[in-house]
Amino acid sequence: MTGAKGRHLKVHKLCCTKNPVTLPVNHDIVSSDDAKPRLSDEVCIASYANFLICNNGIIVPQYDDINNSLTIEHLEKFFLSIR
């Protein structure tokens, strides 16, 4: 696959959380009246791909999971390699 300028794309994979991420028992989520209710212990969509690049840094979501450190390590290697 190529980009708009005809250059080949390189895909970098990120891991997922090892364990499912669930809402805590006493969660506090503000939602609109027509939103589907979120229940305690319901599995959430937890993605490390929701990182944010800003001011020469990266803000990475953390899920109290063993793969947090692995994801940070992968992102550090990737962003240091493109400097």
PDB file of N, CA and C in Angstrom:
ATOM      1  N   MET A   1       0.836  -1.163   0.000  1.00  0.00           N
ATOM      2  CA  MET A   1       0.000   0.000   0.000  1.00  0.00           C
ATOM      3  C   MET A   1       0.896   1.246   0.000  1.00  0.00           C
ATOM      4  N   THR A   2       0.436   2.278  -0.655  1.00  0.00           N
ATOM      5  CA  THR A   2       1.216   3.511  -0.721  1.00  0.00           C
ATOM      6  C   THR A   2       0.368   4.700  -0.276  1.00  0.00           C
ATOM      7  N   GLY A   3       1.060   5.766   0.113  1.00  0.00           N
ATOM      8  CA  GLY A   3       0.390   7.000   0.496  1.00  0.00           C
ATOM      9  C   GLY A   3       0.080   7.842  -0.726  1.00  0.00           C
ATOM     10  N   ALA A   4      -0.417   9.042  -0.506  1.00  0.00           N
ATOM     11  CA  ALA A   4      -0.814   9.938  -1.592  1.00  0.00           C
ATOM     12  C   ALA A   4       0.359  10.302  -2.494  1.00  0.00           C
ATOM     13  N   LYS A   5       1.568  10.330  -1.956  1.00  0.00           N
ATOM     14  CA  LYS A   5       2.754  10.668  -2.749  1.00  0.00           C
ATOM     15  C   LYS A   5       3.435   9.433  -3.325  1.00  0.00           C
ATOM     16  N   GLY A   6       2.785   8.266  -3.221  1.00  0.00           N
ATOM     17  CA  GLY A   6       3.325   7.043  -3.797  1.00  0.00           C
ATOM     18  C   GLY A   6       4.363   6.341  -2.933  1.00  0.00           C
ATOM     19  N   ARG A   7       4.606   6.835  -1.725  1.00  0.00           N
ATOM     20  CA  ARG A   7       5.580   6.199  -0.832  1.00  0.00           C
ATOM     21  C   ARG A   7       4.932   5.011  -0.121  1.00  0.00           C
ATOM     22  N   HIS A   8       5.728   3.974   0.077  1.00  0.00           N
ATOM     23  CA  HIS A   8       5.218   2.794   0.781  1.00  0.00           C
ATOM     24  C   HIS A   8       4.969   3.120   2.251  1.00  0.00           C
ATOM     25  N   LEU A   9       3.872   2.589   2.768  1.00  0.00           N
ATOM     26  CA  LEU A   9       3.515   2.802   4.161  1.00  0.00           C
ATOM     27  C   LEU A   9       4.146   1.721   5.023  1.00  0.00           C
ATOM     28  N   LYS A  10       4.535   2.093   6.237  1.00  0.00           N
ATOM     29  CA  LYS A  10       5.042   1.126   7.200  1.00  0.00           C
ATOM     30  C   LYS A  10       4.090   1.146   8.386  1.00  0.00           C
ATOM     31  N   VAL A  11       3.547  -0.012   8.731  1.00  0.00           N
ATOM     32  CA  VAL A  11       2.577  -0.118   9.815  1.00  0.00           C
ATOM     33  C   VAL A  11       3.311  -0.523  11.092  1.00  0.00           C
ATOM     34  N   HIS A  12       3.057   0.207  12.164  1.00  0.00           N
ATOM     35  CA  HIS A  12       3.622  -0.112  13.476  1.00  0.00           C
ATOM     36  C   HIS A  12       2.480  -0.599  14.354  1.00  0.00           C
ATOM     37  N   LYS A  13       2.670  -1.744  14.971  1.00  0.00           N
ATOM     38  CA  LYS A  13       1.617  -2.337  15.794  1.00  0.00           C
ATOM     39  C   LYS A  13       1.777  -1.921  17.253  1.00  0.00           C
ATOM     40  N   LEU A  14       0.644  -1.696  17.910  1.00  0.00           N
ATOM     41  CA  LEU A  14       0.597  -1.463  19.348  1.00  0.00           C
ATOM     42  C   LEU A  14      -0.148  -2.625  19.985  1.00  0.00           C
ATOM     43  N   CYS A  15       0.270  -3.003  21.179  1.00  0.00           N
ATOM     44  CA  CYS A  15      -0.441  -4.075  21.857  1.00  0.00           C
ATOM     45  C   CYS A  15      -1.742  -3.543  22.466  1.00  0.00           C
ATOM     46  N   CYS A  16      -2.561  -4.454  22.908  1.00  0.00           N
ATOM     47  CA  CYS A  16      -3.785  -4.124  23.638  1.00  0.00           C
ATOM     48  C   CYS A  16      -3.532  -4.387  25.113  1.00  0.00           C
ATOM     49  N   THR A  17      -4.478  -4.016  25.937  1.00  0.00           N
ATOM     50  CA  THR A  17      -4.354  -4.362  27.347  1.00  0.00           C
ATOM     51  C   THR A  17      -4.405  -5.879  27.487  1.00  0.00           C
ATOM     52  N   LYS A  18      -3.668  -6.412  28.434  1.00  0.00           N
ATOM     53  CA  LYS A  18      -3.674  -7.864  28.640  1.00  0.00           C
ATOM     54  C   LYS A  18      -5.019  -8.314  29.214  1.00  0.00           C
ATOM     55  N   ASN A  19      -5.539  -7.531  30.145  1.00  0.00           N
ATOM     56  CA  ASN A  19      -6.813  -7.855  30.780  1.00  0.00           C
ATOM     57  C   ASN A  19      -7.889  -6.868  30.324  1.00  0.00           C
ATOM     58  N   PRO A  20      -9.137  -7.311  30.255  1.00  0.00           N
ATOM     59  CA  PRO A  20     -10.214  -6.384  29.888  1.00  0.00           C
ATOM     60  C   PRO A  20     -10.306  -5.235  30.890  1.00  0.00           C
ATOM     61  N   VAL A  21     -10.587  -4.055  30.398  1.00  0.00           N
ATOM     62  CA  VAL A  21     -10.767  -2.882  31.251  1.00  0.00           C
ATOM     63  C   VAL A  21     -12.263  -2.723  31.495  1.00  0.00           C
ATOM     64  N   THR A  22     -12.634  -2.628  32.766  1.00  0.00           N
ATOM     65  CA  THR A  22     -14.043  -2.503  33.116  1.00  0.00           C
ATOM     66  C   THR A  22     -14.278  -1.240  33.938  1.00  0.00           C
ATOM     67  N   LEU A  23     -15.508  -0.792  33.968  1.00  0.00           N
ATOM     68  CA  LEU A  23     -15.873   0.365  34.785  1.00  0.00           C
ATOM     69  C   LEU A  23     -15.878  -0.043  36.256  1.00  0.00           C
ATOM     70  N   PRO A  24     -15.373   0.831  37.130  1.00  0.00           N
ATOM     71  CA  PRO A  24     -15.425   0.513  38.564  1.00  0.00           C
ATOM     72  C   PRO A  24     -16.862   0.549  39.085  1.00  0.00           C
ATOM     73  N   VAL A  25     -17.062  -0.009  40.254  1.00  0.00           N
ATOM     74  CA  VAL A  25     -18.402  -0.090  40.831  1.00  0.00           C
ATOM     75  C   VAL A  25     -19.016   1.292  41.010  1.00  0.00           C
ATOM     76  N   ASN A  26     -18.265   2.248  41.495  1.00  0.00           N
ATOM     77  CA  ASN A  26     -18.796   3.592  41.745  1.00  0.00           C
ATOM     78  C   ASN A  26     -18.335   4.579  40.677  1.00  0.00           C
ATOM     79  N   HIS A  27     -18.523   4.229  39.409  1.00  0.00           N
ATOM     80  CA  HIS A  27     -18.083   5.120  38.333  1.00  0.00           C
ATOM     81  C   HIS A  27     -18.987   6.351  38.264  1.00  0.00           C
ATOM     82  N   ASP A  28     -18.420   7.425  37.754  1.00  0.00           N
ATOM     83  CA  ASP A  28     -19.166   8.685  37.652  1.00  0.00           C
ATOM     84  C   ASP A  28     -18.996   9.211  36.228  1.00  0.00           C
ATOM     85  N   ILE A  29     -19.931   8.853  35.373  1.00  0.00           N
ATOM     86  CA  ILE A  29     -19.877   9.266  33.971  1.00  0.00           C
ATOM     87  C   ILE A  29     -21.074  10.160  33.686  1.00  0.00           C
ATOM     88  N   VAL A  30     -20.800  11.338  33.174  1.00  0.00           N
ATOM     89  CA  VAL A  30     -21.870  12.251  32.787  1.00  0.00           C
ATOM     90  C   VAL A  30     -22.194  11.982  31.321  1.00  0.00           C
ATOM     91  N   SER A  31     -23.439  11.705  31.019  1.00  0.00           N
ATOM     92  CA  SER A  31     -23.823  11.428  29.633  1.00  0.00           C
ATOM     93  C   SER A  31     -25.143  12.118  29.323  1.00  0.00           C
ATOM     94  N   SER A  32     -25.454  12.183  28.049  1.00  0.00           N
ATOM     95  CA  SER A  32     -26.708  12.811  27.624  1.00  0.00           C
ATOM     96  C   SER A  32     -27.882  11.878  27.925  1.00  0.00           C
ATOM     97  N   ASP A  33     -29.064  12.422  27.875  1.00  0.00           N
ATOM     98  CA  ASP A  33     -30.268  11.647  28.195  1.00  0.00           C
ATOM     99  C   ASP A  33     -30.514  10.504  27.219  1.00  0.00           C
ATOM    100  N   ASP A  34     -30.065  10.653  25.967  1.00  0.00           N
ATOM    101  CA  ASP A  34     -30.318   9.608  24.983  1.00  0.00           C
ATOM    102  C   ASP A  34     -29.154   8.626  24.826  1.00  0.00           C
ATOM    103  N   ALA A  35     -28.148   8.731  25.681  1.00  0.00           N
ATOM    104  CA  ALA A  35     -27.005   7.822  25.606  1.00  0.00           C
ATOM    105  C   ALA A  35     -27.340   6.493  26.270  1.00  0.00           C
ATOM    106  N   LYS A  36     -26.718   5.446  25.780  1.00  0.00           N
ATOM    107  CA  LYS A  36     -26.898   4.131  26.378  1.00  0.00           C
ATOM    108  C   LYS A  36     -26.251   4.141  27.773  1.00  0.00           C
ATOM    109  N   PRO A  37     -26.943   3.656  28.801  1.00  0.00           N
ATOM    110  CA  PRO A  37     -26.369   3.665  30.143  1.00  0.00           C
ATOM    111  C   PRO A  37     -25.137   2.753  30.242  1.00  0.00           C
ATOM    112  N   ARG A  38     -24.161   3.171  31.033  1.00  0.00           N
ATOM    113  CA  ARG A  38     -22.950   2.372  31.269  1.00  0.00           C
ATOM    114  C   ARG A  38     -23.079   1.725  32.635  1.00  0.00           C
ATOM    115  N   LEU A  39     -22.855   0.429  32.708  1.00  0.00           N
ATOM    116  CA  LEU A  39     -23.040  -0.325  33.936  1.00  0.00           C
ATOM    117  C   LEU A  39     -21.696  -0.674  34.570  1.00  0.00           C
ATOM    118  N   SER A  40     -21.689  -0.822  35.886  1.00  0.00           N
ATOM    119  CA  SER A  40     -20.480  -1.246  36.583  1.00  0.00           C
ATOM    120  C   SER A  40     -20.035  -2.604  36.055  1.00  0.00           C
ATOM    121  N   ASP A  41     -18.744  -2.807  35.994  1.00  0.00           N
ATOM    122  CA  ASP A  41     -18.112  -4.041  35.488  1.00  0.00           C
ATOM    123  C   ASP A  41     -18.355  -4.278  33.997  1.00  0.00           C
ATOM    124  N   GLU A  42     -18.879  -3.284  33.280  1.00  0.00           N
ATOM    125  CA  GLU A  42     -19.035  -3.387  31.832  1.00  0.00           C
ATOM    126  C   GLU A  42     -17.666  -3.182  31.176  1.00  0.00           C
ATOM    127  N   VAL A  43     -17.352  -3.974  30.185  1.00  0.00           N
ATOM    128  CA  VAL A  43     -16.065  -3.862  29.498  1.00  0.00           C
ATOM    129  C   VAL A  43     -16.024  -2.571  28.693  1.00  0.00           C
ATOM    130  N   CYS A  44     -14.930  -1.827  28.831  1.00  0.00           N
ATOM    131  CA  CYS A  44     -14.733  -0.564  28.115  1.00  0.00           C
ATOM    132  C   CYS A  44     -13.781  -0.794  26.933  1.00  0.00           C
ATOM    133  N   ILE A  45     -13.882   0.054  25.945  1.00  0.00           N
ATOM    134  CA  ILE A  45     -12.930   0.013  24.843  1.00  0.00           C
ATOM    135  C   ILE A  45     -11.689   0.764  25.305  1.00  0.00           C
ATOM    136  N   ALA A  46     -10.616   0.028  25.535  1.00  0.00           N
ATOM    137  CA  ALA A  46      -9.374   0.616  26.029  1.00  0.00           C
ATOM    138  C   ALA A  46      -8.317   0.467  24.947  1.00  0.00           C
ATOM    139  N   SER A  47      -7.869   1.581  24.393  1.00  0.00           N
ATOM    140  CA  SER A  47      -6.907   1.531  23.300  1.00  0.00           C
ATOM    141  C   SER A  47      -5.730   2.454  23.572  1.00  0.00           C
ATOM    142  N   TYR A  48      -4.534   1.910  23.443  1.00  0.00           N
ATOM    143  CA  TYR A  48      -3.328   2.725  23.563  1.00  0.00           C
ATOM    144  C   TYR A  48      -3.154   3.630  22.346  1.00  0.00           C
ATOM    145  N   ALA A  49      -3.915   3.374  21.290  1.00  0.00           N
ATOM    146  CA  ALA A  49      -3.815   4.203  20.085  1.00  0.00           C
ATOM    147  C   ALA A  49      -4.408   5.587  20.298  1.00  0.00           C
ATOM    148  N   ASN A  50      -5.032   5.809  21.422  1.00  0.00           N
ATOM    149  CA  ASN A  50      -5.600   7.125  21.729  1.00  0.00           C
ATOM    150  C   ASN A  50      -4.552   8.052  22.337  1.00  0.00           C
ATOM    151  N   PHE A  51      -3.289   7.875  21.955  1.00  0.00           N
ATOM    152  CA  PHE A  51      -2.245   8.756  22.483  1.00  0.00           C
ATOM    153  C   PHE A  51      -2.297  10.109  21.783  1.00  0.00           C
ATOM    154  N   LEU A  52      -1.717  11.121  22.435  1.00  0.00           N
ATOM    155  CA  LEU A  52      -1.737  12.485  21.928  1.00  0.00           C
ATOM    156  C   LEU A  52      -0.309  13.002  21.840  1.00  0.00           C
ATOM    157  N   ILE A  53       0.048  13.561  20.694  1.00  0.00           N
ATOM    158  CA  ILE A  53       1.379  14.143  20.498  1.00  0.00           C
ATOM    159  C   ILE A  53       1.273  15.642  20.720  1.00  0.00           C
ATOM    160  N   CYS A  54       2.081  16.183  21.640  1.00  0.00           N
ATOM    161  CA  CYS A  54       2.046  17.619  21.892  1.00  0.00           C
ATOM    162  C   CYS A  54       3.333  18.089  22.563  1.00  0.00           C
ATOM    163  N   ASN A  55       3.790  19.266  22.182  1.00  0.00           N
ATOM    164  CA  ASN A  55       4.944  19.902  22.820  1.00  0.00           C
ATOM    165  C   ASN A  55       6.134  18.962  23.017  1.00  0.00           C
ATOM    166  N   ASN A  56       6.534  18.277  21.963  1.00  0.00           N
ATOM    167  CA  ASN A  56       7.672  17.351  22.016  1.00  0.00           C
ATOM    168  C   ASN A  56       7.479  16.213  23.008  1.00  0.00           C
ATOM    169  N   GLY A  57       6.250  15.852  23.277  1.00  0.00           N
ATOM    170  CA  GLY A  57       5.954  14.750  24.178  1.00  0.00           C
ATOM    171  C   GLY A  57       4.761  13.959  23.691  1.00  0.00           C
ATOM    172  N   ILE A  58       4.515  12.858  24.370  1.00  0.00           N
ATOM    173  CA  ILE A  58       3.388  11.996  24.030  1.00  0.00           C
ATOM    174  C   ILE A  58       2.607  11.720  25.307  1.00  0.00           C
ATOM    175  N   ILE A  59       1.307  11.919  25.261  1.00  0.00           N
ATOM    176  CA  ILE A  59       0.442  11.566  26.380  1.00  0.00           C
ATOM    177  C   ILE A  59      -0.216  10.243  26.011  1.00  0.00           C
ATOM    178  N   VAL A  60       0.037   9.224  26.839  1.00  0.00           N
ATOM    179  CA  VAL A  60      -0.425   7.869  26.540  1.00  0.00           C
ATOM    180  C   VAL A  60      -1.429   7.427  27.607  1.00  0.00           C
ATOM    181  N   PRO A  61      -2.572   6.871  27.196  1.00  0.00           N
ATOM    182  CA  PRO A  61      -3.528   6.388  28.189  1.00  0.00           C
ATOM    183  C   PRO A  61      -2.931   5.234  28.996  1.00  0.00           C
ATOM    184  N   GLN A  62      -3.287   5.172  30.258  1.00  0.00           N
ATOM    185  CA  GLN A  62      -2.833   4.112  31.152  1.00  0.00           C
ATOM    186  C   GLN A  62      -4.050   3.405  31.727  1.00  0.00           C
ATOM    187  N   TYR A  63      -3.964   2.073  31.827  1.00  0.00           N
ATOM    188  CA  TYR A  63      -5.117   1.296  32.262  1.00  0.00           C
ATOM    189  C   TYR A  63      -4.816   0.380  33.444  1.00  0.00           C
ATOM    190  N   ASP A  64      -3.779   0.686  34.223  1.00  0.00           N
ATOM    191  CA  ASP A  64      -3.400  -0.174  35.342  1.00  0.00           C
ATOM    192  C   ASP A  64      -3.257  -1.615  34.855  1.00  0.00           C
ATOM    193  N   ASP A  65      -2.541  -1.772  33.753  1.00  0.00           N
ATOM    194  CA  ASP A  65      -2.393  -3.063  33.090  1.00  0.00           C
ATOM    195  C   ASP A  65      -0.911  -3.333  32.866  1.00  0.00           C
ATOM    196  N   ILE A  66      -0.548  -4.578  32.807  1.00  0.00           N
ATOM    197  CA  ILE A  66       0.850  -4.970  32.621  1.00  0.00           C
ATOM    198  C   ILE A  66       1.417  -4.464  31.284  1.00  0.00           C
ATOM    199  N   ASN A  67       0.566  -4.243  30.288  1.00  0.00           N
ATOM    200  CA  ASN A  67       1.036  -3.788  28.977  1.00  0.00           C
ATOM    201  C   ASN A  67       1.225  -2.275  28.878  1.00  0.00           C
ATOM    202  N   ASN A  68       0.933  -1.525  29.939  1.00  0.00           N
ATOM    203  CA  ASN A  68       1.190  -0.086  29.924  1.00  0.00           C
ATOM    204  C   ASN A  68       2.658   0.196  29.605  1.00  0.00           C
ATOM    205  N   SER A  69       3.562  -0.434  30.329  1.00  0.00           N
ATOM    206  CA  SER A  69       4.995  -0.164  30.146  1.00  0.00           C
ATOM    207  C   SER A  69       5.480  -0.642  28.779  1.00  0.00           C
ATOM    208  N   LEU A  70       4.970  -1.750  28.290  1.00  0.00           N
ATOM    209  CA  LEU A  70       5.351  -2.252  26.969  1.00  0.00           C
ATOM    210  C   LEU A  70       4.938  -1.264  25.882  1.00  0.00           C
ATOM    211  N   THR A  71       3.746  -0.718  25.986  1.00  0.00           N
ATOM    212  CA  THR A  71       3.258   0.252  25.007  1.00  0.00           C
ATOM    213  C   THR A  71       4.109   1.517  25.025  1.00  0.00           C
ATOM    214  N   ILE A  72       4.418   2.006  26.208  1.00  0.00           N
ATOM    215  CA  ILE A  72       5.258   3.204  26.318  1.00  0.00           C
ATOM    216  C   ILE A  72       6.621   2.946  25.701  1.00  0.00           C
ATOM    217  N   GLU A  73       7.182   1.781  25.952  1.00  0.00           N
ATOM    218  CA  GLU A  73       8.482   1.417  25.367  1.00  0.00           C
ATOM    219  C   GLU A  73       8.415   1.415  23.835  1.00  0.00           C
ATOM    220  N   HIS A  74       7.374   0.835  23.277  1.00  0.00           N
ATOM    221  CA  HIS A  74       7.215   0.793  21.810  1.00  0.00           C
ATOM    222  C   HIS A  74       7.066   2.197  21.231  1.00  0.00           C
ATOM    223  N   LEU A  75       6.250   3.026  21.881  1.00  0.00           N
ATOM    224  CA  LEU A  75       6.055   4.394  21.383  1.00  0.00           C
ATOM    225  C   LEU A  75       7.344   5.211  21.486  1.00  0.00           C
ATOM    226  N   GLU A  76       8.092   5.038  22.565  1.00  0.00           N
ATOM    227  CA  GLU A  76       9.369   5.741  22.707  1.00  0.00           C
ATOM    228  C   GLU A  76      10.323   5.362  21.578  1.00  0.00           C
ATOM    229  N   LYS A  77      10.444   4.062  21.309  1.00  0.00           N
ATOM    230  CA  LYS A  77      11.341   3.599  20.236  1.00  0.00           C
ATOM    231  C   LYS A  77      10.913   4.166  18.895  1.00  0.00           C
ATOM    232  N   PHE A  78       9.605   4.137  18.630  1.00  0.00           N
ATOM    233  CA  PHE A  78       9.118   4.644  17.344  1.00  0.00           C
ATOM    234  C   PHE A  78       9.410   6.121  17.190  1.00  0.00           C
ATOM    235  N   PHE A  79       9.015   6.928  18.167  1.00  0.00           N
ATOM    236  CA  PHE A  79       9.188   8.373  18.026  1.00  0.00           C
ATOM    237  C   PHE A  79      10.653   8.798  18.072  1.00  0.00           C
ATOM    238  N   LEU A  80      11.490   8.066  18.779  1.00  0.00           N
ATOM    239  CA  LEU A  80      12.927   8.385  18.759  1.00  0.00           C
ATOM    240  C   LEU A  80      13.545   8.021  17.409  1.00  0.00           C
ATOM    241  N   SER A  81      12.985   7.009  16.749  1.00  0.00           N
ATOM    242  CA  SER A  81      13.532   6.584  15.456  1.00  0.00           C
ATOM    243  C   SER A  81      13.204   7.557  14.323  1.00  0.00           C
ATOM    244  N   ILE A  82      12.182   8.392  14.491  1.00  0.00           N
ATOM    245  CA  ILE A  82      11.803   9.316  13.416  1.00  0.00           C
ATOM    246  C   ILE A  82      12.299  10.734  13.669  1.00  0.00           C
ATOM    247  N   ARG A  83      13.076  10.923  14.689  1.00  0.00           N
ATOM    248  CA  ARG A  83      13.604  12.265  14.986  1.00  0.00           C
ATOM    249  C   ARG A  83      14.475  12.761  13.880  1.00  0.00           C
TER     250      ARG A  83
END
